[in-house]
PDB file of all heavy atoms in Angstrom:
ATOM      1  N   GLN A   1     -11.333 -18.177 -26.385  1.00  0.00           N
ATOM      2  CA  GLN A   1     -12.586 -19.071 -26.388  1.00  0.00           C
ATOM      3  C   GLN A   1     -12.369 -20.313 -25.580  1.00  0.00           C
ATOM      4  O   GLN A   1     -13.226 -20.763 -24.846  1.00  0.00           O
ATOM      5  CB  GLN A   1     -13.012 -19.399 -27.783  1.00  0.00           C
ATOM      6  CG  GLN A   1     -13.497 -18.224 -28.560  1.00  0.00           C
ATOM      7  CD  GLN A   1     -13.732 -18.530 -30.066  1.00  0.00           C
ATOM      8  OE1 GLN A   1     -13.962 -19.695 -30.428  1.00  0.00           O
ATOM      9  NE2 GLN A   1     -13.511 -17.562 -30.897  1.00  0.00           N
ATOM     10  N   VAL A   2     -11.150 -20.868 -25.596  1.00  0.00           N
ATOM     11  CA  VAL A   2     -10.769 -22.160 -24.977  1.00  0.00           C
ATOM     12  C   VAL A   2     -10.526 -21.880 -23.403  1.00  0.00           C
ATOM     13  O   VAL A   2     -11.152 -22.699 -22.679  1.00  0.00           O
ATOM     14  CB  VAL A   2      -9.448 -22.730 -25.589  1.00  0.00           C
ATOM     15  CG1 VAL A   2      -8.973 -23.830 -24.764  1.00  0.00           C
ATOM     16  CG2 VAL A   2      -9.739 -23.157 -27.031  1.00  0.00           C
ATOM     17  N   LEU A   3      -9.860 -20.919 -23.145  1.00  0.00           N
ATOM     18  CA  LEU A   3      -9.577 -20.567 -21.784  1.00  0.00           C
ATOM     19  C   LEU A   3     -10.725 -19.901 -20.950  1.00  0.00           C
ATOM     20  O   LEU A   3     -10.899 -20.115 -19.751  1.00  0.00           O
ATOM     21  CB  LEU A   3      -8.282 -19.815 -21.594  1.00  0.00           C
ATOM     22  CG  LEU A   3      -7.054 -20.311 -22.051  1.00  0.00           C
ATOM     23  CD1 LEU A   3      -5.860 -19.395 -21.805  1.00  0.00           C
ATOM     24  CD2 LEU A   3      -6.699 -21.723 -21.432  1.00  0.00           C
ATOM     25  N   GLY A   4     -11.482 -19.129 -21.674  1.00  0.00           N
ATOM     26  CA  GLY A   4     -12.504 -18.309 -21.005  1.00  0.00           C
ATOM     27  C   GLY A   4     -11.821 -16.889 -20.911  1.00  0.00           C
ATOM     28  O   GLY A   4     -10.678 -16.812 -20.684  1.00  0.00           O
ATOM     29  N   ALA A   5     -12.592 -15.908 -20.882  1.00  0.00           N
ATOM     30  CA  ALA A   5     -12.108 -14.522 -20.832  1.00  0.00           C
ATOM     31  C   ALA A   5     -11.271 -14.270 -19.609  1.00  0.00           C
ATOM     32  O   ALA A   5     -10.270 -13.609 -19.615  1.00  0.00           O
ATOM     33  CB  ALA A   5     -13.238 -13.494 -20.938  1.00  0.00           C
ATOM     34  N   SER A   6     -11.888 -14.775 -18.409  1.00  0.00           N
ATOM     35  CA  SER A   6     -11.231 -14.433 -17.102  1.00  0.00           C
ATOM     36  C   SER A   6      -9.830 -15.117 -17.052  1.00  0.00           C
ATOM     37  O   SER A   6      -8.874 -14.419 -16.612  1.00  0.00           O
ATOM     38  CB  SER A   6     -12.092 -14.871 -15.965  1.00  0.00           C
ATOM     39  OG  SER A   6     -11.530 -14.619 -14.733  1.00  0.00           O
ATOM     40  N   GLN A   7      -9.731 -16.414 -17.380  1.00  0.00           N
ATOM     41  CA  GLN A   7      -8.465 -17.133 -17.234  1.00  0.00           C
ATOM     42  C   GLN A   7      -7.500 -16.539 -18.337  1.00  0.00           C
ATOM     43  O   GLN A   7      -6.312 -16.506 -18.020  1.00  0.00           O
ATOM     44  CB  GLN A   7      -8.722 -18.579 -17.512  1.00  0.00           C
ATOM     45  CG  GLN A   7      -7.415 -19.465 -17.307  1.00  0.00           C
ATOM     46  CD  GLN A   7      -7.669 -20.964 -17.588  1.00  0.00           C
ATOM     47  OE1 GLN A   7      -8.762 -21.368 -17.374  1.00  0.00           O
ATOM     48  NE2 GLN A   7      -6.503 -21.712 -17.808  1.00  0.00           N
ATOM     49  N   TYR A   8      -7.971 -16.209 -19.470  1.00  0.00           N
ATOM     50  CA  TYR A   8      -7.152 -15.703 -20.546  1.00  0.00           C
ATOM     51  C   TYR A   8      -6.452 -14.397 -19.911  1.00  0.00           C
ATOM     52  O   TYR A   8      -5.292 -14.114 -20.054  1.00  0.00           O
ATOM     53  CB  TYR A   8      -7.772 -15.400 -21.816  1.00  0.00           C
ATOM     54  CG  TYR A   8      -6.932 -14.794 -22.898  1.00  0.00           C
ATOM     55  CD1 TYR A   8      -6.124 -15.563 -23.660  1.00  0.00           C
ATOM     56  CD2 TYR A   8      -6.768 -13.376 -22.979  1.00  0.00           C
ATOM     57  CE1 TYR A   8      -5.312 -15.092 -24.602  1.00  0.00           C
ATOM     58  CE2 TYR A   8      -5.904 -12.835 -23.917  1.00  0.00           C
ATOM     59  CZ  TYR A   8      -5.150 -13.676 -24.679  1.00  0.00           C
ATOM     60  OH  TYR A   8      -4.290 -13.220 -25.563  1.00  0.00           O
ATOM     61  N   ARG A   9      -7.288 -13.466 -19.381  1.00  0.00           N
ATOM     62  CA  ARG A   9      -6.758 -12.204 -18.856  1.00  0.00           C
ATOM     63  C   ARG A   9      -5.813 -12.481 -17.795  1.00  0.00           C
ATOM     64  O   ARG A   9      -4.724 -11.746 -17.759  1.00  0.00           O
ATOM     65  CB  ARG A   9      -7.909 -11.242 -18.379  1.00  0.00           C
ATOM     66  CG  ARG A   9      -8.753 -10.624 -19.414  1.00  0.00           C
ATOM     67  CD  ARG A   9      -9.613  -9.541 -18.802  1.00  0.00           C
ATOM     68  NE  ARG A   9     -10.458 -10.033 -17.863  1.00  0.00           N
ATOM     69  CZ  ARG A   9     -11.743 -10.470 -18.032  1.00  0.00           C
ATOM     70  NH1 ARG A   9     -12.186 -10.468 -19.298  1.00  0.00           N
ATOM     71  NH2 ARG A   9     -12.430 -10.884 -17.079  1.00  0.00           N
ATOM     72  N   ALA A  10      -6.070 -13.442 -16.922  1.00  0.00           N
ATOM     73  CA  ALA A  10      -5.083 -13.625 -15.801  1.00  0.00           C
ATOM     74  C   ALA A  10      -3.771 -14.172 -16.280  1.00  0.00           C
ATOM     75  O   ALA A  10      -2.618 -13.793 -15.888  1.00  0.00           O
ATOM     76  CB  ALA A  10      -5.726 -14.684 -14.810  1.00  0.00           C
ATOM     77  N   GLU A  11      -3.821 -15.117 -17.328  1.00  0.00           N
ATOM     78  CA  GLU A  11      -2.623 -15.655 -17.844  1.00  0.00           C
ATOM     79  C   GLU A  11      -1.760 -14.683 -18.581  1.00  0.00           C
ATOM     80  O   GLU A  11      -0.555 -14.544 -18.484  1.00  0.00           O
ATOM     81  CB  GLU A  11      -2.928 -16.800 -18.753  1.00  0.00           C
ATOM     82  CG  GLU A  11      -1.766 -17.746 -19.152  1.00  0.00           C
ATOM     83  CD  GLU A  11      -2.191 -19.071 -19.745  1.00  0.00           C
ATOM     84  OE1 GLU A  11      -2.934 -19.801 -19.045  1.00  0.00           O
ATOM     85  OE2 GLU A  11      -1.768 -19.310 -20.819  1.00  0.00           O
ATOM     86  N   ALA A  12      -2.476 -13.734 -19.364  1.00  0.00           N
ATOM     87  CA  ALA A  12      -1.821 -12.686 -20.132  1.00  0.00           C
ATOM     88  C   ALA A  12      -1.164 -11.648 -19.220  1.00  0.00           C
ATOM     89  O   ALA A  12      -0.284 -10.961 -19.694  1.00  0.00           O
ATOM     90  CB  ALA A  12      -2.820 -12.111 -21.066  1.00  0.00           C
ATOM     91  N   ALA A  13      -1.652 -11.584 -17.980  1.00  0.00           N
ATOM     92  CA  ALA A  13      -1.129 -10.504 -17.079  1.00  0.00           C
ATOM     93  C   ALA A  13       0.013 -10.981 -16.299  1.00  0.00           C
ATOM     94  O   ALA A  13       0.689 -10.252 -15.562  1.00  0.00           O
ATOM     95  CB  ALA A  13      -2.255 -10.069 -16.196  1.00  0.00           C
ATOM     96  N   SER A  14       0.301 -12.292 -16.314  1.00  0.00           N
ATOM     97  CA  SER A  14       1.279 -12.933 -15.398  1.00  0.00           C
ATOM     98  C   SER A  14       2.572 -13.318 -16.135  1.00  0.00           C
ATOM     99  O   SER A  14       2.480 -13.835 -17.218  1.00  0.00           O
ATOM    100  CB  SER A  14       0.727 -14.190 -14.671  1.00  0.00           C
ATOM    101  OG  SER A  14       1.652 -14.800 -13.885  1.00  0.00           O
ATOM    102  N   THR A  15       3.703 -13.138 -15.401  1.00  0.00           N
ATOM    103  CA  THR A  15       4.928 -13.710 -15.896  1.00  0.00           C
ATOM    104  C   THR A  15       5.577 -14.603 -14.849  1.00  0.00           C
ATOM    105  O   THR A  15       6.721 -15.019 -14.995  1.00  0.00           O
ATOM    106  CB  THR A  15       5.976 -12.587 -16.179  1.00  0.00           C
ATOM    107  OG1 THR A  15       6.155 -11.801 -15.067  1.00  0.00           O
ATOM    108  CG2 THR A  15       5.457 -11.691 -17.334  1.00  0.00           C
ATOM    109  N   VAL A  16       4.773 -15.094 -13.923  1.00  0.00           N
ATOM    110  CA  VAL A  16       5.236 -15.994 -12.848  1.00  0.00           C
ATOM    111  C   VAL A  16       5.257 -17.433 -13.467  1.00  0.00           C
ATOM    112  O   VAL A  16       4.150 -17.888 -14.058  1.00  0.00           O
ATOM    113  CB  VAL A  16       4.411 -15.935 -11.610  1.00  0.00           C
ATOM    114  CG1 VAL A  16       4.828 -17.033 -10.581  1.00  0.00           C
ATOM    115  CG2 VAL A  16       4.426 -14.569 -11.009  1.00  0.00           C
ATOM    116  N   ASN A  17       6.247 -18.220 -13.336  1.00  0.00           N
ATOM    117  CA  ASN A  17       6.400 -19.512 -13.791  1.00  0.00           C
ATOM    118  C   ASN A  17       5.405 -20.347 -13.006  1.00  0.00           C
ATOM    119  O   ASN A  17       5.461 -20.452 -11.674  1.00  0.00           O
ATOM    120  CB  ASN A  17       7.730 -20.063 -13.620  1.00  0.00           C
ATOM    121  CG  ASN A  17       7.965 -21.421 -14.310  1.00  0.00           C
ATOM    122  OD1 ASN A  17       6.981 -22.120 -14.459  1.00  0.00           O
ATOM    123  ND2 ASN A  17       9.136 -21.738 -14.574  1.00  0.00           N
ATOM    124  N   PRO A  18       4.317 -20.953 -13.618  1.00  0.00           N
ATOM    125  CA  PRO A  18       3.365 -21.751 -12.814  1.00  0.00           C
ATOM    126  C   PRO A  18       3.979 -23.025 -12.218  1.00  0.00           C
ATOM    127  O   PRO A  18       3.404 -23.503 -11.199  1.00  0.00           O
ATOM    128  CB  PRO A  18       2.402 -22.137 -13.889  1.00  0.00           C
ATOM    129  CG  PRO A  18       2.566 -21.234 -15.011  1.00  0.00           C
ATOM    130  CD  PRO A  18       4.039 -20.949 -15.030  1.00  0.00           C
ATOM    131  N   ALA A  19       5.116 -23.398 -12.688  1.00  0.00           N
ATOM    132  CA  ALA A  19       5.779 -24.618 -12.149  1.00  0.00           C
ATOM    133  C   ALA A  19       6.907 -24.186 -11.159  1.00  0.00           C
ATOM    134  O   ALA A  19       8.097 -24.285 -11.452  1.00  0.00           O
ATOM    135  CB  ALA A  19       6.350 -25.457 -13.277  1.00  0.00           C
ATOM    136  N   ALA A  20       6.507 -23.702  -9.991  1.00  0.00           N
ATOM    137  CA  ALA A  20       7.480 -23.145  -9.006  1.00  0.00           C
ATOM    138  C   ALA A  20       8.034 -24.377  -8.242  1.00  0.00           C
ATOM    139  O   ALA A  20       7.416 -25.464  -8.053  1.00  0.00           O
ATOM    140  CB  ALA A  20       6.864 -22.218  -8.108  1.00  0.00           C
ATOM    141  N   ILE A  21       9.322 -24.181  -7.732  1.00  0.00           N
ATOM    142  CA  ILE A  21       9.870 -25.236  -6.875  1.00  0.00           C
ATOM    143  C   ILE A  21       9.411 -24.909  -5.464  1.00  0.00           C
ATOM    144  O   ILE A  21       9.569 -23.769  -4.987  1.00  0.00           O
ATOM    145  CB  ILE A  21      11.411 -25.128  -6.886  1.00  0.00           C
ATOM    146  CG1 ILE A  21      11.906 -25.458  -8.397  1.00  0.00           C
ATOM    147  CG2 ILE A  21      12.009 -26.154  -5.882  1.00  0.00           C
ATOM    148  CD1 ILE A  21      13.364 -25.261  -8.492  1.00  0.00           C
ATOM    149  N   THR A  22       8.687 -25.879  -4.813  1.00  0.00           N
ATOM    150  CA  THR A  22       8.242 -25.608  -3.438  1.00  0.00           C
ATOM    151  C   THR A  22       8.620 -26.794  -2.533  1.00  0.00           C
ATOM    152  O   THR A  22       9.369 -27.756  -3.008  1.00  0.00           O
ATOM    153  CB  THR A  22       6.713 -25.604  -3.488  1.00  0.00           C
ATOM    154  OG1 THR A  22       6.195 -26.840  -3.989  1.00  0.00           O
ATOM    155  CG2 THR A  22       6.151 -24.440  -4.331  1.00  0.00           C
ATOM    156  N   GLY A  23       8.319 -26.719  -1.285  1.00  0.00           N
ATOM    157  CA  GLY A  23       8.646 -27.862  -0.304  1.00  0.00           C
ATOM    158  C   GLY A  23       9.633 -27.378   0.738  1.00  0.00           C
ATOM    159  O   GLY A  23       9.977 -26.127   0.844  1.00  0.00           O
ATOM    160  N   THR A  24      10.137 -28.238   1.480  1.00  0.00           N
ATOM    161  CA  THR A  24      11.124 -28.016   2.445  1.00  0.00           C
ATOM    162  C   THR A  24      12.492 -28.588   2.169  1.00  0.00           C
ATOM    163  O   THR A  24      12.601 -29.746   1.806  1.00  0.00           O
ATOM    164  CB  THR A  24      10.589 -28.685   3.810  1.00  0.00           C
ATOM    165  OG1 THR A  24       9.358 -28.067   4.112  1.00  0.00           O
ATOM    166  CG2 THR A  24      11.589 -28.380   5.012  1.00  0.00           C
ATOM    167  N   ASP A  25      13.456 -27.754   2.330  1.00  0.00           N
ATOM    168  CA  ASP A  25      14.865 -28.158   2.089  1.00  0.00           C
ATOM    169  C   ASP A  25      15.271 -28.886   3.342  1.00  0.00           C
ATOM    170  O   ASP A  25      15.418 -28.450   4.504  1.00  0.00           O
ATOM    171  CB  ASP A  25      15.737 -26.845   2.029  1.00  0.00           C
ATOM    172  CG  ASP A  25      17.161 -27.141   1.691  1.00  0.00           C
ATOM    173  OD1 ASP A  25      17.698 -28.127   2.326  1.00  0.00           O
ATOM    174  OD2 ASP A  25      17.785 -26.386   0.959  1.00  0.00           O
ATOM    175  N   THR A  26      15.536 -30.237   3.301  1.00  0.00           N
ATOM    176  CA  THR A  26      15.818 -31.042   4.386  1.00  0.00           C
ATOM    177  C   THR A  26      17.234 -30.900   4.938  1.00  0.00           C
ATOM    178  O   THR A  26      17.501 -31.206   6.099  1.00  0.00           O
ATOM    179  CB  THR A  26      15.579 -32.560   4.052  1.00  0.00           C
ATOM    180  OG1 THR A  26      16.449 -32.862   2.885  1.00  0.00           O
ATOM    181  CG2 THR A  26      14.152 -32.882   3.623  1.00  0.00           C
ATOM    182  N   ALA A  27      18.152 -30.346   4.138  1.00  0.00           N
ATOM    183  CA  ALA A  27      19.454 -30.133   4.693  1.00  0.00           C
ATOM    184  C   ALA A  27      19.550 -28.779   5.477  1.00  0.00           C
ATOM    185  O   ALA A  27      20.219 -28.745   6.460  1.00  0.00           O
ATOM    186  CB  ALA A  27      20.446 -30.052   3.514  1.00  0.00           C
TER     187      ALA A  27
END
């Protein structure tokens, strides 16, 4: 009810860490 059916299904189907390390390695 809080997330909504669509967002809940997407979250329940994923195991990807939403907090990924991104950007450019300067070295």
